[in-house]
Structures are given as C-alpha cells and as structure tokens.
Amino acid sequence: MVETVFGQSYSATSRLAGARAAAIVARYRLPTESRRDLEQEALLELWRKRHAYDPRRASWRTFSEGVVANRMRSLMRTVHSKRSGQFRDESLDAAVGLMAPDSRADLCADVSRVLSGVSPFDRKVAIDLIGYSAVETSRRLGVSRATVYRAIDRLRDAFAKAGLSPRGRKHDSKA
C-alpha cells in the first residue's frame, strides 16, 4: 500500500525535493548538476523510510514532506561543512580521494592515530558522523543526543590535542 501511495505522490514530492535542492544549490553556489543529486538523495531517503509511515499519525504528504525536509537539512549541514557531494553511502575514502595523494596519506594517518586513542564508543560516533547527523547518530546508536554531543566534544578535544584544527589541517606549533 505504501508503495502505491509513494508512486501516486511521487511527482508532488519530487517537485518539493527539487525546489529545496535548487535553494541549496543557489545558496552554496554549487554546480547546477548538484541539484539533481540532492533531489535524488532526498527521494531515496523517502523510499528508505517509507515503511515507517503510519497513516494514524499523519497523511502521506505530511510524512513525505517531513522526510524530504529533514534529509535536505542534513544535506545542507554536509554542504555547509565543506563536504559537498559526500552523501550517506559514500565512504571517507571517497571524500579523501579528492585530495592530493600525499595529503590523503597524511590525513588518514592523522585520523587513524587520533581515533585509536579514543574509546570504542567515541570511535563509533566519529564513524557514524561521517554520513549522518548527530541526531541520526543518536538514533542509530540508541543513545540520547546529549550523549552524542558529549562524545563530539571529547573527539574535538582529542583532535585538538593531536594538533589538528577543526578544518583538518595541522596547527602551526610555533609558540
């Protein structure tokens, strides 16, 4: 039944996703072909979450608009954090592959070194945050958002102690 409703509302949902994607492309000055990628990512998220739809809680339109809006917000955070084009199913290696080969090796070594020194839970949070928001990570791990945010603070401290800035570049140690 949900597949039928999904098919019937596809054009309206697709227009909504397209409009939101166009706004992101304009705001962040992304290449125009990124609009279609963002739109498809939002529609794919709706397809993934279609089984969570409960007609007793909301109409399909309300549900689909909420899923699309939430995914677009997540994608905006990704774009804003300078990881544009790196969506949920792509690995860190794909994102790192865009850098020069020597930078990639240095970054992988630095990240591996820092993550080896944190707790298994903090490491799991860090890995989940590559493709998911903090809220999605808290849901996936079954912990409160506050717990995830505390882990993020510990991760930031670990990276800072290792001499890495928030942008992933080493701090100058000229003091």
C-alpha atoms as a PDB file:
ATOM      1  CA  MET A   1       0.000   0.000   0.000  1.00  0.00           C
ATOM      2  CA  VAL A   2       2.773   2.441   0.899  1.00  0.00           C
ATOM      3  CA  GLU A   3       4.431   1.764  -2.480  1.00  0.00           C
ATOM      4  CA  THR A   4       1.141   2.710  -4.195  1.00  0.00           C
ATOM      5  CA  VAL A   5       0.867   5.950  -2.230  1.00  0.00           C
ATOM      6  CA  PHE A   6       4.557   6.633  -2.882  1.00  0.00           C
ATOM      7  CA  GLY A   7       4.009   6.208  -6.618  1.00  0.00           C
ATOM      8  CA  GLN A   8       0.921   8.409  -6.623  1.00  0.00           C
ATOM      9  CA  SER A   9       2.590  11.243  -4.728  1.00  0.00           C
ATOM     10  CA  TYR A  10       5.959  10.960  -6.470  1.00  0.00           C
ATOM     11  CA  SER A  11       5.507  13.974  -8.718  1.00  0.00           C
ATOM     12  CA  ALA A  12       4.450  16.296  -5.882  1.00  0.00           C
ATOM     13  CA  THR A  13       7.232  15.042  -3.614  1.00  0.00           C
ATOM     14  CA  SER A  14       9.719  15.262  -6.459  1.00  0.00           C
ATOM     15  CA  ARG A  15       8.775  18.925  -7.052  1.00  0.00           C
ATOM     16  CA  LEU A  16       9.210  19.655  -3.333  1.00  0.00           C
ATOM     17  CA  ALA A  17      12.607  17.947  -3.263  1.00  0.00           C
ATOM     18  CA  GLY A  18      13.606  19.759  -6.470  1.00  0.00           C
ATOM     19  CA  ALA A  19      12.686  23.162  -5.044  1.00  0.00           C
ATOM     20  CA  ARG A  20      14.595  22.523  -1.832  1.00  0.00           C
ATOM     21  CA  ALA A  21      17.591  21.204  -3.793  1.00  0.00           C
ATOM     22  CA  ALA A  22      17.573  24.276  -6.046  1.00  0.00           C
ATOM     23  CA  ALA A  23      17.624  26.516  -2.972  1.00  0.00           C
ATOM     24  CA  ILE A  24      20.663  24.658  -1.579  1.00  0.00           C
ATOM     25  CA  VAL A  25      22.477  24.863  -4.920  1.00  0.00           C
ATOM     26  CA  ALA A  26      21.824  28.607  -5.117  1.00  0.00           C
ATOM     27  CA  ARG A  27      22.747  29.309  -1.511  1.00  0.00           C
ATOM     28  CA  TYR A  28      26.022  27.386  -1.534  1.00  0.00           C
ATOM     29  CA  ARG A  29      26.850  28.204  -5.174  1.00  0.00           C
ATOM     30  CA  LEU A  30      27.154  24.547  -6.119  1.00  0.00           C
ATOM     31  CA  PRO A  31      27.315  23.341  -9.710  1.00  0.00           C
ATOM     32  CA  THR A  32      23.825  23.194 -11.216  1.00  0.00           C
ATOM     33  CA  GLU A  33      24.092  19.431 -11.747  1.00  0.00           C
ATOM     34  CA  SER A  34      24.238  19.049  -7.952  1.00  0.00           C
ATOM     35  CA  ARG A  35      20.542  19.936  -7.783  1.00  0.00           C
ATOM     36  CA  ARG A  36      19.525  16.612  -9.305  1.00  0.00           C
ATOM     37  CA  ASP A  37      21.872  14.705  -6.970  1.00  0.00           C
ATOM     38  CA  LEU A  38      20.398  16.422  -3.906  1.00  0.00           C
ATOM     39  CA  GLU A  39      16.861  15.824  -5.133  1.00  0.00           C
ATOM     40  CA  GLN A  40      17.555  12.132  -5.738  1.00  0.00           C
ATOM     41  CA  GLU A  41      19.174  11.785  -2.322  1.00  0.00           C
ATOM     42  CA  ALA A  42      16.054  13.203  -0.642  1.00  0.00           C
ATOM     43  CA  LEU A  43      13.747  10.921  -2.635  1.00  0.00           C
ATOM     44  CA  LEU A  44      15.951   7.926  -1.859  1.00  0.00           C
ATOM     45  CA  GLU A  45      15.670   8.767   1.845  1.00  0.00           C
ATOM     46  CA  LEU A  46      11.886   8.848   1.497  1.00  0.00           C
ATOM     47  CA  TRP A  47      11.987   5.435  -0.159  1.00  0.00           C
ATOM     48  CA  ARG A  48      14.172   4.087   2.661  1.00  0.00           C
ATOM     49  CA  LYS A  49      11.806   5.436   5.320  1.00  0.00           C
ATOM     50  CA  ARG A  50       8.528   4.535   3.609  1.00  0.00           C
ATOM     51  CA  HIS A  51       7.955   1.608   5.995  1.00  0.00           C
ATOM     52  CA  ALA A  52       7.935   3.994   8.968  1.00  0.00           C
ATOM     53  CA  TYR A  53       4.822   5.715   7.599  1.00  0.00           C
ATOM     54  CA  ASP A  54       1.825   5.414   9.922  1.00  0.00           C
ATOM     55  CA  PRO A  55      -1.438   6.788   8.480  1.00  0.00           C
ATOM     56  CA  ARG A  56      -2.794   7.213  12.027  1.00  0.00           C
ATOM     57  CA  ARG A  57      -0.128   9.807  12.788  1.00  0.00           C
ATOM     58  CA  ALA A  58      -0.106  11.911   9.619  1.00  0.00           C
ATOM     59  CA  SER A  59      -1.047  11.994   5.974  1.00  0.00           C
ATOM     60  CA  TRP A  60       1.421  10.602   3.444  1.00  0.00           C
ATOM     61  CA  ARG A  61       2.022  14.137   2.158  1.00  0.00           C
ATOM     62  CA  THR A  62       2.922  15.410   5.634  1.00  0.00           C
ATOM     63  CA  PHE A  63       5.148  12.385   6.255  1.00  0.00           C
ATOM     64  CA  SER A  64       6.916  12.694   2.897  1.00  0.00           C
ATOM     65  CA  GLU A  65       7.430  16.449   3.260  1.00  0.00           C
ATOM     66  CA  GLY A  66       8.936  15.891   6.708  1.00  0.00           C
ATOM     67  CA  VAL A  67      11.325  13.204   5.481  1.00  0.00           C
ATOM     68  CA  VAL A  68      12.407  15.321   2.490  1.00  0.00           C
ATOM     69  CA  ALA A  69      12.837  18.423   4.657  1.00  0.00           C
ATOM     70  CA  ASN A  70      14.897  16.537   7.261  1.00  0.00           C
ATOM     71  CA  ARG A  71      17.134  14.964   4.632  1.00  0.00           C
ATOM     72  CA  MET A  72      17.667  18.326   2.945  1.00  0.00           C
ATOM     73  CA  ARG A  73      18.613  19.869   6.302  1.00  0.00           C
ATOM     74  CA  SER A  74      21.111  17.076   6.804  1.00  0.00           C
ATOM     75  CA  LEU A  75      22.497  17.601   3.311  1.00  0.00           C
ATOM     76  CA  MET A  76      22.757  21.350   3.954  1.00  0.00           C
ATOM     77  CA  ARG A  77      24.820  20.635   7.055  1.00  0.00           C
ATOM     78  CA  THR A  78      27.023  18.397   4.947  1.00  0.00           C
ATOM     79  CA  VAL A  79      27.419  21.028   2.235  1.00  0.00           C
ATOM     80  CA  HIS A  80      27.982  23.763   4.795  1.00  0.00           C
ATOM     81  CA  SER A  81      30.712  21.744   6.490  1.00  0.00           C
ATOM     82  CA  LYS A  82      32.630  21.642   3.200  1.00  0.00           C
ATOM     83  CA  ARG A  83      31.785  18.023   2.432  1.00  0.00           C
ATOM     84  CA  SER A  84      29.575  18.818  -0.550  1.00  0.00           C
ATOM     85  CA  GLY A  85      28.760  15.849  -2.694  1.00  0.00           C
ATOM     86  CA  GLN A  86      29.653  13.342   0.006  1.00  0.00           C
ATOM     87  CA  PHE A  87      26.382  11.694   0.867  1.00  0.00           C
ATOM     88  CA  ARG A  88      25.280   8.875   3.115  1.00  0.00           C
ATOM     89  CA  ASP A  89      26.519   5.901   1.072  1.00  0.00           C
ATOM     90  CA  GLU A  90      29.966   7.211   0.284  1.00  0.00           C
ATOM     91  CA  SER A  91      32.913   6.317   2.450  1.00  0.00           C
ATOM     92  CA  LEU A  92      35.541   8.573   3.978  1.00  0.00           C
ATOM     93  CA  ASP A  93      37.969   7.187   1.397  1.00  0.00           C
ATOM     94  CA  ALA A  94      35.788   8.679  -1.373  1.00  0.00           C
ATOM     95  CA  ALA A  95      35.908  12.110   0.267  1.00  0.00           C
ATOM     96  CA  VAL A  96      39.619  11.875   0.981  1.00  0.00           C
ATOM     97  CA  GLY A  97      40.254  10.675  -2.581  1.00  0.00           C
ATOM     98  CA  LEU A  98      39.611  14.203  -3.833  1.00  0.00           C
ATOM     99  CA  MET A  99      42.789  15.464  -2.173  1.00  0.00           C
ATOM    100  CA  ALA A 100      46.341  15.222  -3.395  1.00  0.00           C
ATOM    101  CA  PRO A 101      47.825  11.755  -2.731  1.00  0.00           C
ATOM    102  CA  ASP A 102      50.289  12.933  -0.076  1.00  0.00           C
ATOM    103  CA  SER A 103      47.571  14.900   1.745  1.00  0.00           C
ATOM    104  CA  ARG A 104      45.358  11.823   1.731  1.00  0.00           C
ATOM    105  CA  ALA A 105      48.019   9.665   3.343  1.00  0.00           C
ATOM    106  CA  ASP A 106      48.746  12.309   5.964  1.00  0.00           C
ATOM    107  CA  LEU A 107      45.052  12.806   6.749  1.00  0.00           C
ATOM    108  CA  CYS A 108      44.362   9.067   7.011  1.00  0.00           C
ATOM    109  CA  ALA A 109      47.357   8.597   9.285  1.00  0.00           C
ATOM    110  CA  ASP A 110      46.352  11.544  11.498  1.00  0.00           C
ATOM    111  CA  VAL A 111      42.711  10.466  11.772  1.00  0.00           C
ATOM    112  CA  SER A 112      43.667   6.841  12.451  1.00  0.00           C
ATOM    113  CA  ARG A 113      46.139   7.924  15.119  1.00  0.00           C
ATOM    114  CA  VAL A 114      43.597  10.117  16.901  1.00  0.00           C
ATOM    115  CA  LEU A 115      40.761   7.582  16.677  1.00  0.00           C
ATOM    116  CA  SER A 116      42.976   4.805  18.020  1.00  0.00           C
ATOM    117  CA  GLY A 117      43.356   6.820  21.219  1.00  0.00           C
ATOM    118  CA  VAL A 118      39.641   7.344  21.942  1.00  0.00           C
ATOM    119  CA  SER A 119      37.078   4.987  23.449  1.00  0.00           C
ATOM    120  CA  PRO A 120      35.286   2.467  21.205  1.00  0.00           C
ATOM    121  CA  PHE A 121      32.035   4.413  21.683  1.00  0.00           C
ATOM    122  CA  ASP A 122      33.622   7.718  20.656  1.00  0.00           C
ATOM    123  CA  ARG A 123      35.195   5.975  17.639  1.00  0.00           C
ATOM    124  CA  LYS A 124      31.742   4.617  16.655  1.00  0.00           C
ATOM    125  CA  VAL A 125      30.256   8.116  16.989  1.00  0.00           C
ATOM    126  CA  ALA A 126      33.033   9.562  14.803  1.00  0.00           C
ATOM    127  CA  ILE A 127      32.477   6.955  12.104  1.00  0.00           C
ATOM    128  CA  ASP A 128      28.696   7.435  12.146  1.00  0.00           C
ATOM    129  CA  LEU A 129      29.100  11.216  11.898  1.00  0.00           C
ATOM    130  CA  ILE A 130      30.797  10.784   8.527  1.00  0.00           C
ATOM    131  CA  GLY A 131      27.445  10.060   6.913  1.00  0.00           C
ATOM    132  CA  TYR A 132      24.825  11.001   9.480  1.00  0.00           C
ATOM    133  CA  SER A 133      23.862  13.995  11.573  1.00  0.00           C
ATOM    134  CA  ALA A 134      24.262  13.980  15.362  1.00  0.00           C
ATOM    135  CA  VAL A 135      20.524  13.364  15.743  1.00  0.00           C
ATOM    136  CA  GLU A 136      20.604  10.447  13.295  1.00  0.00           C
ATOM    137  CA  THR A 137      23.692   9.069  15.040  1.00  0.00           C
ATOM    138  CA  SER A 138      21.936   9.180  18.424  1.00  0.00           C
ATOM    139  CA  ARG A 139      19.022   7.233  16.952  1.00  0.00           C
ATOM    140  CA  ARG A 140      21.284   4.705  15.252  1.00  0.00           C
ATOM    141  CA  LEU A 141      23.267   4.104  18.448  1.00  0.00           C
ATOM    142  CA  GLY A 142      20.233   4.176  20.733  1.00  0.00           C
ATOM    143  CA  VAL A 143      21.593   6.912  22.974  1.00  0.00           C
ATOM    144  CA  SER A 144      20.487  10.446  23.780  1.00  0.00           C
ATOM    145  CA  ARG A 145      21.591  13.391  21.672  1.00  0.00           C
ATOM    146  CA  ALA A 146      23.351  14.780  24.729  1.00  0.00           C
ATOM    147  CA  THR A 147      25.485  11.625  24.878  1.00  0.00           C
ATOM    148  CA  VAL A 148      26.447  12.066  21.225  1.00  0.00           C
ATOM    149  CA  TYR A 149      27.248  15.757  21.748  1.00  0.00           C
ATOM    150  CA  ARG A 150      29.470  14.877  24.727  1.00  0.00           C
ATOM    151  CA  ALA A 151      31.271  12.351  22.521  1.00  0.00           C
ATOM    152  CA  ILE A 152      31.704  15.052  19.869  1.00  0.00           C
ATOM    153  CA  ASP A 153      33.258  17.340  22.495  1.00  0.00           C
ATOM    154  CA  ARG A 154      35.662  14.555  23.510  1.00  0.00           C
ATOM    155  CA  LEU A 155      36.534  13.947  19.840  1.00  0.00           C
ATOM    156  CA  ARG A 156      37.192  17.652  19.277  1.00  0.00           C
ATOM    157  CA  ASP A 157      39.470  17.669  22.316  1.00  0.00           C
ATOM    158  CA  ALA A 158      41.314  14.588  21.057  1.00  0.00           C
ATOM    159  CA  PHE A 159      41.883  16.161  17.649  1.00  0.00           C
ATOM    160  CA  ALA A 160      42.939  19.469  19.202  1.00  0.00           C
ATOM    161  CA  LYS A 161      45.414  17.680  21.496  1.00  0.00           C
ATOM    162  CA  ALA A 162      46.806  15.920  18.425  1.00  0.00           C
ATOM    163  CA  GLY A 163      47.461  19.334  16.879  1.00  0.00           C
ATOM    164  CA  LEU A 164      44.691  19.191  14.296  1.00  0.00           C
ATOM    165  CA  SER A 165      42.441  22.165  13.630  1.00  0.00           C
ATOM    166  CA  PRO A 166      38.692  21.818  13.022  1.00  0.00           C
ATOM    167  CA  ARG A 167      39.358  22.014   9.287  1.00  0.00           C
ATOM    168  CA  GLY A 168      41.676  19.014   9.394  1.00  0.00           C
ATOM    169  CA  ARG A 169      44.941  20.930   8.971  1.00  0.00           C
ATOM    170  CA  LYS A 170      47.756  20.794  11.434  1.00  0.00           C
ATOM    171  CA  HIS A 171      48.167  23.795  13.695  1.00  0.00           C
ATOM    172  CA  ASP A 172      51.422  25.637  13.490  1.00  0.00           C
ATOM    173  CA  SER A 173      53.292  24.700  16.641  1.00  0.00           C
ATOM    174  CA  LYS A 174      55.335  27.909  16.706  1.00  0.00           C
ATOM    175  CA  ALA A 175      54.753  29.117  20.222  1.00  0.00           C
END
